[in-house]
Amino acid sequence: MKYALLIPFLLICARDTKGQDNRLHPSSSRAPVSYHDFGAKGDGKTDDLDAIAAAHEFANLHGLPVKADDKATYYIGGKARTVVVRTDTDFGKANFIIDDTEVQDRDGAIFTVSSTLQPFKLPTVTTLKRDQKKIGVPLPGPCLITVTNSHIKQYIRFGLNQNNGSSQTDIFVADKNGNVDMNAPIIWDFDQITDITARPIDEKPLKITGGRFTTIANNAESKYTYYNRNIAVRRSNVTIEGLEHRVTGEGDHGAPYGGFINIGECAYVTVKNTILTGHLTYNTVGAAGKPVSMGTYDLSANRALNVSFINCSQTNDINDTKYWGILGSNFCKNLLYDRCTLSRFDAHQGVANATIRNSTLGHMGINAIGSGKLLIENSTIRGRSVVNLRPDYGSTWQGELVIRNCVFIPANGKPINASIISGSNSGQHDFGYVCYMPERITIENLRIDDSGHPEKYEGPSIFANFNPEMKDSTYREQFPYVKTKEVTLKNVTTASGKPVRVSDNLFQFKEVKVNEGK
């Protein structure tokens, strides 16, 4: 136990780093710090949280990596304490049991990956415009900028989970000269700013590898009291690789989860070669006073840029409807699925630019609202549509949709009337922004396996019936829904042999120009 004599001193002084380095740093090497050197038992029974936290405090203080014992099983009980991770960490083949049956703080992360660089305000920036290229202030280096105008509400949700919306917000990266990275541009006009925060981006990458985590699920009342006993990534330039997360102990009720890997307020994060688990879906009474299924996640991204999920899969059947879709996200830009087999991709309160490629999506498919380019290629979609533009946020996509070299198996082969693009907008609800259908839609080399279609099936449609009440020109939209201008179809084939139709609602889409190529 090479660090054992330092433990008492560390526990008192680890957070006071000034002037400590010469006294505490081992002179021998930069060997990885071990949990066992700080008292972890790794027997699967003793609560090792304090020892794990102490090991990381020491590693953070001296810039040392951390390595778990491959043969250990670390038990983490319900104590309210978060382990701060600021150095490379190799969980290896070690097992971690996270027991959520009796938790002191359901909001407290188990591990938070954080930066030593402190956020700061930019009070001289008082307005911003969409697609603005420069913010007009110098920065110490590249920063993630988060801006808010609390006087404007957007994403005013409609339906069973209705709400009064979220304050107008945007995130973007600017370099030391204040130049905005136009790969993730500013997407809103801010006539007023109530908060603008810059978070410096770490130049050095941080890597988290391995780990076999098992959550013993909570058995709390089924209501919107989210559990966030997770790995929270709050630092930019992070890779998580080779992690596995499983869930046991789910019963007939429980509170939902906010994502075991929870990514927020950061940029350039990659999760790869990782195995996750969908959570059982529980019901509660929603804001409209009616029963509603609660979203519960193993992956979550909020206010994050350039987040990639590569070669990720899940332990349970992606088509099993007992389990909720695995990803939820809000206020993100440049999200990527590549070589993933997961039950769902989802962007709630908007994503700017998203790509799904070389992937298979299960029963909850692709759900999105947002802007920019939504690209789906070389993928198999087993949801009820290829893309569902979320009705609770206005089914809006301000930009372009491209579906290329894909296979669509509607409802995983169940008999339904298939639509490539689904959504709903009555034009009677104010979502806090103008709602758009994709201006241009390109569908190329799409194979629709609708062999299991119902009787009286007329063939798949490009658009679902977005507004059954809009039957003729007498219908008036209080908040007009901007329709698609042009659809290009090229080599779209069906197993049923029936041609692709525009929609059941031909009036609503009468002005859409459809170009059909070979």
Protein backbone atom coordinates (compact mmCIF):
# COMPACT_ATOMS: atom_id res chain seq x y z
CA MET A 1 0.00 0.00 0.00
CA LYS A 2 2.41 2.59 -1.29
CA TYR A 3 0.11 5.58 -0.59
CA ALA A 4 -1.37 4.29 2.66
CA LEU A 5 0.56 6.62 4.97
CA LEU A 6 -0.71 9.60 3.00
CA ILE A 7 -4.40 8.84 3.43
CA PRO A 8 -5.14 10.76 6.64
CA PHE A 9 -3.26 13.80 5.40
CA LEU A 10 -4.91 13.56 1.99
CA LEU A 11 -8.42 13.43 3.35
CA ILE A 12 -7.79 16.68 5.23
CA CYS A 13 -5.80 18.56 2.63
CA ALA A 14 -6.57 17.17 -0.86
CA ARG A 15 -8.74 20.09 -1.88
CA ASP A 16 -6.13 22.66 -0.84
CA THR A 17 -3.63 22.17 -3.63
CA LYS A 18 -1.41 25.22 -3.24
CA GLY A 19 2.08 24.40 -2.13
CA GLN A 20 1.31 20.72 -1.65
CA ASP A 21 3.01 19.12 -4.61
CA ASN A 22 6.50 18.60 -3.22
CA ARG A 23 5.23 17.08 0.02
CA LEU A 24 2.71 14.64 -1.42
CA HIS A 25 3.91 13.57 -4.83
CA PRO A 26 5.65 10.18 -4.75
CA SER A 27 9.16 10.61 -6.05
CA SER A 28 9.40 7.15 -7.60
CA SER A 29 7.21 7.24 -10.70
CA ARG A 30 3.93 8.26 -12.30
CA ALA A 31 2.48 4.79 -11.71
CA PRO A 32 -1.33 4.64 -11.70
CA VAL A 33 -3.12 5.25 -8.44
CA SER A 34 -4.97 2.20 -7.10
CA TYR A 35 -8.22 2.22 -5.16
CA HIS A 36 -6.81 -0.45 -2.87
CA ASP A 37 -4.00 1.87 -1.83
CA PHE A 38 -6.68 4.08 -0.31
CA GLY A 39 -8.52 1.33 1.53
CA ALA A 40 -10.91 -0.13 -1.04
CA LYS A 41 -11.77 -3.75 -0.31
CA GLY A 42 -13.18 -4.69 -3.71
CA ASP A 43 -15.11 -7.56 -2.13
CA GLY A 44 -18.52 -6.60 -3.53
CA LYS A 45 -19.91 -6.00 -0.03
CA THR A 46 -17.94 -3.22 1.65
CA ASP A 47 -18.89 0.26 0.51
CA ASP A 48 -15.77 1.49 -1.32
CA LEU A 49 -17.05 4.93 -2.34
CA ASP A 50 -14.89 6.90 0.10
CA ALA A 51 -11.75 5.01 -0.89
CA ILE A 52 -12.50 5.51 -4.58
CA ALA A 53 -13.07 9.23 -4.03
CA ALA A 54 -9.85 9.58 -2.03
CA ALA A 55 -7.84 7.83 -4.74
CA HIS A 56 -9.12 10.22 -7.38
CA GLU A 57 -8.51 13.24 -5.15
CA PHE A 58 -4.88 12.19 -4.84
CA ALA A 59 -4.61 11.46 -8.57
CA ASN A 60 -6.18 14.81 -9.45
CA LEU A 61 -3.78 16.63 -7.15
CA HIS A 62 -0.73 15.17 -8.86
CA GLY A 63 -1.91 14.56 -12.39
CA LEU A 64 -1.69 10.77 -12.01
CA PRO A 65 -3.77 8.19 -13.85
CA VAL A 66 -6.05 5.81 -11.94
CA LYS A 67 -6.26 2.05 -12.49
CA ALA A 68 -8.86 -0.25 -10.95
CA ASP A 69 -8.03 -3.83 -9.97
CA ASP A 70 -9.33 -6.13 -12.71
CA LYS A 71 -10.30 -8.78 -10.19
CA ALA A 72 -12.15 -6.46 -7.81
CA THR A 73 -15.86 -5.88 -7.36
CA TYR A 74 -16.39 -2.42 -5.89
CA TYR A 75 -19.67 -1.88 -4.08
CA ILE A 76 -21.10 1.65 -4.05
CA GLY A 77 -24.00 2.23 -1.68
CA GLY A 78 -26.41 5.11 -1.33
CA LYS A 79 -24.08 7.63 0.36
CA ALA A 80 -24.24 11.18 -0.98
CA ARG A 81 -20.74 11.64 -2.38
CA THR A 82 -19.46 12.27 -5.89
CA VAL A 83 -16.07 11.09 -7.16
CA VAL A 84 -14.34 13.84 -9.15
CA VAL A 85 -12.34 12.49 -12.11
CA ARG A 86 -9.75 14.80 -13.70
CA THR A 87 -7.15 12.30 -14.94
CA ASP A 88 -7.16 9.30 -17.24
CA THR A 89 -8.94 6.41 -15.58
CA ASP A 90 -8.82 2.73 -16.50
CA PHE A 91 -11.65 0.80 -14.88
CA GLY A 92 -10.40 -2.26 -16.76
CA LYS A 93 -12.25 -5.50 -16.06
CA ALA A 94 -13.28 -4.42 -12.57
CA ASN A 95 -16.92 -4.72 -11.56
CA PHE A 96 -18.79 -1.83 -9.94
CA ILE A 97 -22.10 -2.43 -8.18
CA ILE A 98 -24.15 0.75 -7.76
CA ASP A 99 -26.93 0.10 -5.27
CA ASP A 100 -29.83 2.52 -5.76
CA THR A 101 -32.25 0.84 -3.36
CA GLU A 102 -31.53 3.34 -0.56
CA VAL A 103 -30.09 6.60 -1.84
CA GLN A 104 -29.43 9.80 0.08
CA ASP A 105 -29.17 12.01 -3.02
CA ARG A 106 -30.71 10.73 -6.25
CA ASP A 107 -29.33 13.78 -8.14
CA GLY A 108 -25.74 13.14 -7.12
CA ALA A 109 -23.53 11.58 -9.79
CA ILE A 110 -21.26 8.69 -8.77
CA PHE A 111 -18.44 9.99 -11.00
CA THR A 112 -18.17 13.49 -12.45
CA VAL A 113 -15.55 14.02 -15.14
CA SER A 114 -14.60 17.66 -14.68
CA SER A 115 -12.05 20.27 -15.64
CA THR A 116 -9.73 22.36 -13.50
CA LEU A 117 -10.46 25.27 -15.86
CA GLN A 118 -13.10 27.51 -14.34
CA PRO A 119 -16.08 28.97 -16.23
CA PHE A 120 -16.48 32.73 -16.38
CA LYS A 121 -19.05 35.29 -17.49
CA LEU A 122 -18.92 37.54 -20.56
CA PRO A 123 -20.89 40.60 -19.42
CA THR A 124 -19.85 42.77 -22.38
CA VAL A 125 -21.67 40.50 -24.85
CA THR A 126 -25.25 41.80 -24.70
CA THR A 127 -26.75 40.63 -28.02
CA LEU A 128 -26.13 37.89 -30.59
CA LYS A 129 -27.50 37.16 -34.04
CA ARG A 130 -28.13 33.92 -35.85
CA ASP A 131 -25.04 32.83 -37.82
CA GLN A 132 -22.93 35.59 -36.24
CA LYS A 133 -19.28 34.77 -36.96
CA LYS A 134 -17.51 36.64 -34.17
CA ILE A 135 -18.57 37.50 -30.62
CA GLY A 136 -16.30 40.53 -30.28
CA VAL A 137 -14.35 39.60 -27.17
CA PRO A 138 -11.00 37.81 -26.77
CA LEU A 139 -10.87 34.58 -24.79
CA PRO A 140 -8.03 32.79 -22.97
CA GLY A 141 -8.39 29.95 -25.48
CA PRO A 142 -11.15 27.91 -27.16
CA CYS A 143 -14.31 28.03 -25.04
CA LEU A 144 -17.77 26.53 -25.05
CA ILE A 145 -20.19 29.45 -24.79
CA THR A 146 -23.65 29.02 -23.28
CA VAL A 147 -26.06 31.92 -23.72
CA THR A 148 -29.55 32.42 -22.26
CA ASN A 149 -32.37 34.92 -22.57
CA SER A 150 -34.80 34.14 -19.77
CA HIS A 151 -37.34 36.64 -21.13
CA ILE A 152 -38.14 34.45 -24.13
CA LYS A 153 -39.60 30.95 -23.80
CA GLN A 154 -39.16 28.30 -26.48
CA TYR A 155 -39.92 24.59 -26.75
CA ILE A 156 -43.31 25.19 -25.15
CA ARG A 157 -44.31 21.57 -24.99
CA PHE A 158 -47.68 20.31 -26.21
CA GLY A 159 -49.52 17.20 -25.09
CA LEU A 160 -49.56 14.99 -22.02
CA ASN A 161 -46.24 16.39 -20.77
CA GLN A 162 -47.13 19.99 -21.57
CA ASN A 163 -45.13 22.79 -20.00
CA ASN A 164 -44.43 26.52 -20.24
CA GLY A 165 -41.22 26.09 -22.19
CA SER A 166 -37.52 26.70 -21.59
CA SER A 167 -35.59 29.94 -21.65
CA GLN A 168 -34.09 30.71 -25.04
CA THR A 169 -30.66 29.12 -25.07
CA ASP A 170 -27.79 28.42 -27.42
CA ILE A 171 -24.34 26.85 -27.26
CA PHE A 172 -21.35 27.27 -29.53
CA VAL A 173 -17.55 27.15 -29.55
CA ALA A 174 -15.41 30.25 -30.02
CA ASP A 175 -11.64 30.43 -30.34
CA LYS A 176 -9.27 32.75 -28.48
CA ASN A 177 -10.06 35.57 -30.92
CA GLY A 178 -13.81 35.17 -30.46
CA ASN A 179 -14.37 33.48 -33.83
CA VAL A 180 -17.40 31.18 -33.76
CA ASP A 181 -16.94 27.64 -35.07
CA MET A 182 -19.40 27.73 -37.96
CA ASN A 183 -19.72 23.95 -37.98
CA ALA A 184 -21.99 24.57 -34.99
CA PRO A 185 -23.29 28.09 -35.63
CA ILE A 186 -25.44 30.31 -33.45
CA ILE A 187 -29.03 29.35 -34.32
CA TRP A 188 -31.11 32.05 -32.57
CA ASP A 189 -31.25 35.84 -32.46
CA PHE A 190 -30.63 37.14 -28.95
CA ASP A 191 -31.94 40.70 -28.64
CA GLN A 192 -31.22 40.44 -24.93
CA ILE A 193 -28.92 38.17 -22.91
CA THR A 194 -29.59 37.36 -19.27
CA ASP A 195 -26.62 35.01 -18.89
CA ILE A 196 -23.59 34.16 -20.99
CA THR A 197 -20.96 31.79 -19.65
CA ALA A 198 -17.68 30.66 -21.22
CA ARG A 199 -16.24 27.26 -20.30
CA PRO A 200 -12.60 26.83 -21.36
CA ILE A 201 -11.98 23.69 -23.39
CA ASP A 202 -9.17 21.46 -22.14
CA GLU A 203 -6.50 21.00 -24.78
CA LYS A 204 -5.38 17.64 -23.41
CA PRO A 205 -7.76 14.72 -24.03
CA LEU A 206 -9.00 12.73 -21.07
CA LYS A 207 -9.83 9.04 -21.45
CA ILE A 208 -12.05 6.73 -19.42
CA THR A 209 -11.68 3.06 -20.34
CA GLY A 210 -13.32 -0.20 -19.36
CA GLY A 211 -15.45 -0.94 -16.33
CA ARG A 212 -18.32 -3.35 -15.84
CA PHE A 213 -21.02 -1.39 -14.05
CA THR A 214 -24.25 -2.82 -12.69
CA THR A 215 -27.02 -0.63 -11.30
CA ILE A 216 -29.35 -2.23 -8.77
CA ALA A 217 -32.43 -0.23 -9.75
CA ASN A 218 -34.38 1.98 -7.38
CA ASN A 219 -37.85 0.90 -6.29
CA ALA A 220 -39.12 4.43 -5.66
CA GLU A 221 -42.58 5.68 -6.53
CA SER A 222 -43.18 5.95 -10.28
CA LYS A 223 -43.08 9.71 -10.78
CA TYR A 224 -40.74 12.24 -12.39
CA THR A 225 -38.06 12.08 -9.69
CA TYR A 226 -35.13 11.27 -11.96
CA TYR A 227 -32.17 9.32 -10.62
CA ASN A 228 -28.77 10.55 -11.79
CA ARG A 229 -26.47 8.04 -10.15
CA ASN A 230 -24.21 7.97 -13.13
CA ILE A 231 -21.04 9.05 -14.87
CA ALA A 232 -21.52 12.75 -15.56
CA VAL A 233 -19.22 14.20 -18.21
CA ARG A 234 -18.80 17.93 -17.60
CA ARG A 235 -15.42 18.40 -19.29
CA SER A 236 -14.67 18.82 -22.99
CA ASN A 237 -12.36 16.59 -25.01
CA VAL A 238 -13.26 13.26 -23.36
CA THR A 239 -13.39 9.69 -24.68
CA ILE A 240 -15.23 6.86 -22.93
CA GLU A 241 -14.32 3.47 -24.36
CA GLY A 242 -15.08 -0.15 -23.54
CA LEU A 243 -17.53 0.53 -20.72
CA GLU A 244 -20.41 -1.84 -19.94
CA HIS A 245 -23.53 -0.94 -18.00
CA ARG A 246 -26.24 -3.36 -16.90
CA VAL A 247 -29.37 -2.94 -14.82
CA THR A 248 -30.86 -5.44 -12.36
CA GLY A 249 -33.66 -5.38 -9.82
CA GLU A 250 -36.31 -3.57 -11.85
CA GLY A 251 -39.77 -4.41 -10.54
CA ASP A 252 -43.32 -3.30 -11.25
CA HIS A 253 -42.59 0.31 -10.31
CA GLY A 254 -39.67 2.70 -10.04
CA ALA A 255 -38.46 6.22 -10.73
CA PRO A 256 -36.86 6.96 -14.12
CA TYR A 257 -33.16 7.47 -14.87
CA GLY A 258 -31.44 10.45 -16.43
CA GLY A 259 -28.73 8.51 -18.28
CA PHE A 260 -25.88 6.41 -16.91
CA ILE A 261 -23.55 8.25 -19.24
CA ASN A 262 -24.76 11.82 -18.88
CA ILE A 263 -23.00 14.37 -21.09
CA GLY A 264 -23.59 18.08 -20.48
CA GLU A 265 -22.07 21.56 -20.80
CA CYS A 266 -19.13 20.27 -22.86
CA ALA A 267 -17.85 19.58 -26.37
CA TYR A 268 -15.91 16.92 -28.26
CA VAL A 269 -17.05 13.83 -26.38
CA THR A 270 -16.86 10.33 -27.84
CA VAL A 271 -18.45 7.19 -26.43
CA LYS A 272 -17.29 4.08 -28.26
CA ASN A 273 -17.23 0.29 -28.04
CA THR A 274 -19.66 0.58 -25.16
CA ILE A 275 -22.52 -1.69 -24.07
CA LEU A 276 -25.57 -0.13 -22.42
CA THR A 277 -28.97 -1.23 -21.13
CA GLY A 278 -32.46 0.10 -21.76
CA HIS A 279 -34.62 0.67 -18.68
CA LEU A 280 -38.11 -0.67 -18.08
CA THR A 281 -40.83 1.85 -18.87
CA TYR A 282 -43.00 2.98 -15.96
CA ASN A 283 -46.15 5.11 -16.05
CA THR A 284 -47.25 8.12 -14.03
CA VAL A 285 -49.73 10.99 -14.30
CA GLY A 286 -48.45 13.71 -16.60
CA ALA A 287 -48.84 17.49 -16.52
CA ALA A 288 -52.15 17.22 -18.36
CA GLY A 289 -53.56 15.02 -15.59
CA LYS A 290 -53.58 11.86 -17.69
CA PRO A 291 -51.48 8.68 -17.56
CA VAL A 292 -48.19 8.94 -19.42
CA SER A 293 -45.14 6.74 -19.98
CA MET A 294 -42.02 8.21 -18.42
CA GLY A 295 -38.86 8.62 -20.45
CA THR A 296 -35.92 6.86 -18.79
CA TYR A 297 -32.46 6.75 -20.30
CA ASP A 298 -29.06 5.11 -20.24
CA LEU A 299 -27.56 7.80 -22.47
CA SER A 300 -28.19 11.51 -22.11
CA ALA A 301 -26.73 14.64 -23.72
CA ASN A 302 -27.68 18.19 -22.79
CA ARG A 303 -26.12 21.43 -23.97
CA ALA A 304 -23.31 19.54 -25.64
CA LEU A 305 -21.53 19.88 -28.98
CA ASN A 306 -19.84 17.34 -31.23
CA VAL A 307 -20.91 14.23 -29.34
CA SER A 308 -20.26 10.88 -31.05
CA PHE A 309 -21.53 7.42 -30.19
CA ILE A 310 -19.46 4.85 -32.10
CA ASN A 311 -19.96 1.09 -32.10
CA CYS A 312 -22.36 1.16 -29.15
CA SER A 313 -25.01 -1.46 -28.44
CA GLN A 314 -27.36 -2.52 -25.67
CA THR A 315 -27.87 -5.67 -23.64
CA ASN A 316 -31.62 -5.94 -24.21
CA ASP A 317 -33.60 -6.35 -27.42
CA ILE A 318 -33.78 -3.04 -29.29
CA ASN A 319 -37.29 -4.03 -30.45
CA ASP A 320 -38.68 -4.94 -27.02
CA THR A 321 -41.32 -2.30 -26.28
CA LYS A 322 -41.13 -2.92 -22.52
CA TYR A 323 -37.92 -0.88 -22.51
CA TRP A 324 -37.75 2.84 -23.14
CA GLY A 325 -35.53 4.21 -25.88
CA ILE A 326 -31.98 4.53 -24.76
CA LEU A 327 -30.98 8.14 -25.64
CA GLY A 328 -32.47 11.49 -24.73
CA SER A 329 -30.93 14.86 -25.64
CA ASN A 330 -31.63 18.59 -25.43
CA PHE A 331 -29.94 21.70 -26.86
CA CYS A 332 -27.19 19.77 -28.67
CA LYS A 333 -25.33 20.24 -31.93
CA ASN A 334 -23.55 17.76 -34.19
CA LEU A 335 -24.71 14.45 -32.71
CA LEU A 336 -23.45 11.25 -34.36
CA TYR A 337 -24.40 7.57 -34.28
CA ASP A 338 -21.93 5.41 -36.20
CA ARG A 339 -22.06 1.59 -36.14
CA CYS A 340 -24.57 1.62 -33.29
CA THR A 341 -27.33 -0.88 -32.57
CA LEU A 342 -29.65 0.96 -30.21
CA SER A 343 -33.38 1.27 -29.61
CA ARG A 344 -33.63 5.00 -30.24
CA PHE A 345 -32.06 8.26 -31.29
CA ASP A 346 -33.87 11.24 -29.81
CA ALA A 347 -33.52 15.01 -29.80
CA HIS A 348 -36.09 16.64 -27.52
CA GLN A 349 -35.48 20.35 -27.33
CA GLY A 350 -33.63 20.58 -30.58
CA VAL A 351 -30.44 19.41 -32.22
CA ALA A 352 -28.54 21.35 -34.85
CA ASN A 353 -27.14 18.78 -37.29
CA ALA A 354 -27.35 15.06 -36.62
CA THR A 355 -25.97 12.04 -38.44
CA ILE A 356 -26.98 8.38 -38.12
CA ARG A 357 -24.90 6.05 -40.26
CA ASN A 358 -24.02 2.35 -40.44
CA SER A 359 -26.47 1.75 -37.60
CA THR A 360 -29.61 -0.17 -36.65
CA LEU A 361 -32.38 1.61 -34.76
CA GLY A 362 -35.03 -0.33 -32.85
CA HIS A 363 -38.67 0.12 -31.90
CA MET A 364 -38.49 3.82 -30.98
CA GLY A 365 -36.55 4.72 -34.10
CA ILE A 366 -35.30 8.22 -34.89
CA ASN A 367 -37.06 11.11 -33.15
CA ALA A 368 -35.86 14.63 -33.71
CA ILE A 369 -36.64 18.28 -33.97
CA GLY A 370 -34.10 20.94 -34.75
CA SER A 371 -32.24 22.55 -37.60
CA GLY A 372 -29.43 22.10 -40.08
CA LYS A 373 -28.87 18.75 -41.75
CA LEU A 374 -30.34 15.46 -40.56
CA LEU A 375 -28.47 12.70 -42.40
CA ILE A 376 -29.44 9.02 -42.19
CA GLU A 377 -27.36 6.66 -44.29
CA ASN A 378 -26.39 3.00 -44.57
CA SER A 379 -28.74 2.16 -41.72
CA THR A 380 -31.69 -0.07 -40.87
CA ILE A 381 -34.67 1.54 -39.14
CA ARG A 382 -37.23 -0.64 -37.37
CA GLY A 383 -39.43 2.09 -35.90
CA ARG A 384 -42.88 3.16 -37.04
CA SER A 385 -41.29 5.65 -39.45
CA VAL A 386 -37.79 6.42 -40.64
CA VAL A 387 -37.96 9.80 -38.92
CA ASN A 388 -40.51 10.97 -36.39
CA LEU A 389 -40.54 14.75 -36.10
CA ARG A 390 -41.63 15.08 -32.48
CA PRO A 391 -45.20 16.47 -32.30
CA ASP A 392 -44.81 17.67 -28.70
CA TYR A 393 -42.31 20.25 -29.98
CA GLY A 394 -44.08 21.13 -33.22
CA SER A 395 -42.56 18.54 -35.57
CA THR A 396 -40.09 21.19 -36.65
CA TRP A 397 -36.91 20.73 -38.66
CA GLN A 398 -35.55 23.93 -40.16
CA GLY A 399 -33.18 22.61 -42.78
CA GLU A 400 -32.55 19.51 -44.83
CA LEU A 401 -33.32 15.80 -44.43
CA VAL A 402 -31.31 13.18 -46.34
CA ILE A 403 -32.10 9.44 -46.22
CA ARG A 404 -29.62 7.41 -48.25
CA ASN A 405 -28.83 3.70 -48.69
CA CYS A 406 -31.18 2.57 -45.92
CA VAL A 407 -33.62 -0.22 -45.13
CA PHE A 408 -36.92 0.63 -43.44
CA ILE A 409 -38.82 -2.19 -41.71
CA PRO A 410 -41.99 -0.47 -40.45
CA ALA A 411 -42.74 -1.35 -36.80
CA ASN A 412 -40.25 -4.22 -37.06
CA GLY A 413 -42.56 -6.04 -39.48
CA LYS A 414 -45.88 -5.51 -37.72
CA PRO A 415 -48.86 -4.67 -39.95
CA ILE A 416 -49.07 -0.86 -40.03
CA ASN A 417 -49.68 1.81 -42.65
CA ALA A 418 -46.11 2.94 -43.09
CA SER A 419 -44.92 6.52 -43.44
CA ILE A 420 -41.32 7.53 -44.04
CA ILE A 421 -41.73 10.79 -42.11
CA SER A 422 -44.20 11.10 -39.26
CA GLY A 423 -45.27 13.99 -37.06
CA SER A 424 -48.17 16.24 -36.19
CA ASN A 425 -48.82 19.97 -36.02
CA SER A 426 -52.29 21.50 -35.92
CA GLY A 427 -51.04 25.05 -36.35
CA GLN A 428 -52.97 26.04 -33.22
CA HIS A 429 -50.21 25.86 -30.57
CA ASP A 430 -47.45 28.39 -29.94
CA PHE A 431 -44.21 26.47 -29.44
CA GLY A 432 -42.18 29.66 -29.04
CA TYR A 433 -40.78 29.55 -32.57
CA VAL A 434 -41.92 29.14 -36.16
CA CYS A 435 -42.29 25.44 -36.98
CA TYR A 436 -40.91 24.05 -40.22
CA MET A 437 -40.96 20.82 -42.11
CA PRO A 438 -37.58 20.06 -43.72
CA GLU A 439 -37.27 22.47 -46.63
CA ARG A 440 -35.67 19.83 -48.83
CA ILE A 441 -35.94 16.08 -48.46
CA THR A 442 -33.77 13.64 -50.41
CA ILE A 443 -34.58 9.92 -50.24
CA GLU A 444 -32.17 7.79 -52.23
CA ASN A 445 -31.74 4.00 -52.37
CA LEU A 446 -34.34 3.24 -49.70
CA ARG A 447 -35.71 -0.30 -49.43
CA ILE A 448 -39.04 -0.47 -47.56
CA ASP A 449 -39.81 -3.95 -46.25
CA ASP A 450 -43.57 -3.57 -45.89
CA SER A 451 -44.29 -7.24 -46.58
CA GLY A 452 -46.23 -7.47 -43.29
CA HIS A 453 -48.67 -4.72 -44.24
CA PRO A 454 -52.35 -4.67 -43.13
CA GLU A 455 -55.35 -5.32 -45.36
CA LYS A 456 -56.44 -2.46 -47.65
CA TYR A 457 -52.88 -1.15 -47.55
CA GLU A 458 -52.31 1.48 -50.22
CA GLY A 459 -48.55 1.60 -49.96
CA PRO A 460 -46.13 3.65 -47.88
CA SER A 461 -46.41 7.42 -47.77
CA ILE A 462 -43.67 10.01 -47.69
CA PHE A 463 -45.58 12.00 -45.04
CA ALA A 464 -47.98 10.82 -42.38
CA ASN A 465 -51.20 12.80 -41.97
CA PHE A 466 -49.72 15.69 -39.98
CA ASN A 467 -53.10 17.43 -39.53
CA PRO A 468 -56.29 15.43 -40.19
CA GLU A 469 -58.38 18.59 -39.62
CA MET A 470 -56.72 20.37 -42.56
CA LYS A 471 -59.03 19.07 -45.28
CA ASP A 472 -59.54 22.17 -47.42
CA SER A 473 -58.76 25.87 -47.72
CA THR A 474 -61.22 26.83 -44.97
CA TYR A 475 -58.81 25.57 -42.29
CA ARG A 476 -56.84 28.35 -40.61
CA GLU A 477 -53.54 27.83 -38.80
CA GLN A 478 -53.08 30.36 -35.99
CA PHE A 479 -49.35 29.53 -36.03
CA PRO A 480 -48.63 28.48 -39.62
CA TYR A 481 -46.55 25.35 -40.15
CA VAL A 482 -44.08 25.92 -42.99
CA LYS A 483 -44.34 22.98 -45.38
CA THR A 484 -41.64 21.15 -47.32
CA LYS A 485 -40.88 22.68 -50.69
CA GLU A 486 -39.26 19.76 -52.50
CA VAL A 487 -38.84 16.00 -52.17
CA THR A 488 -36.44 14.03 -54.36
CA LEU A 489 -36.99 10.28 -54.62
CA LYS A 490 -34.44 8.03 -56.26
CA ASN A 491 -34.58 4.22 -56.25
CA VAL A 492 -37.15 3.83 -53.48
CA THR A 493 -38.51 0.27 -53.57
CA THR A 494 -41.10 -1.65 -51.56
CA ALA A 495 -41.47 -5.33 -50.66
CA SER A 496 -45.24 -5.00 -51.16
CA GLY A 497 -44.74 -3.78 -54.71
CA LYS A 498 -46.97 -0.80 -53.99
CA PRO A 499 -45.70 2.63 -55.01
CA VAL A 500 -44.76 5.34 -52.57
CA ARG A 501 -47.51 7.92 -52.08
CA VAL A 502 -47.20 11.52 -50.90
CA SER A 503 -49.63 11.29 -47.96
CA ASP A 504 -53.13 10.35 -46.86
CA ASN A 505 -53.64 14.11 -46.61
CA LEU A 506 -53.11 15.27 -50.17
CA PHE A 507 -54.50 18.73 -49.46
CA GLN A 508 -51.92 19.54 -46.79
CA PHE A 509 -49.05 18.55 -49.08
CA LYS A 510 -50.52 19.76 -52.38
CA GLU A 511 -47.74 22.30 -52.93
CA VAL A 512 -44.87 19.91 -52.28
CA LYS A 513 -42.86 19.28 -55.43
CA VAL A 514 -41.89 15.60 -55.74
CA ASN A 515 -39.06 14.74 -58.13
CA GLU A 516 -38.68 11.07 -58.98
CA GLY A 517 -35.46 9.81 -60.48
CA LYS A 518 -34.17 6.40 -61.41
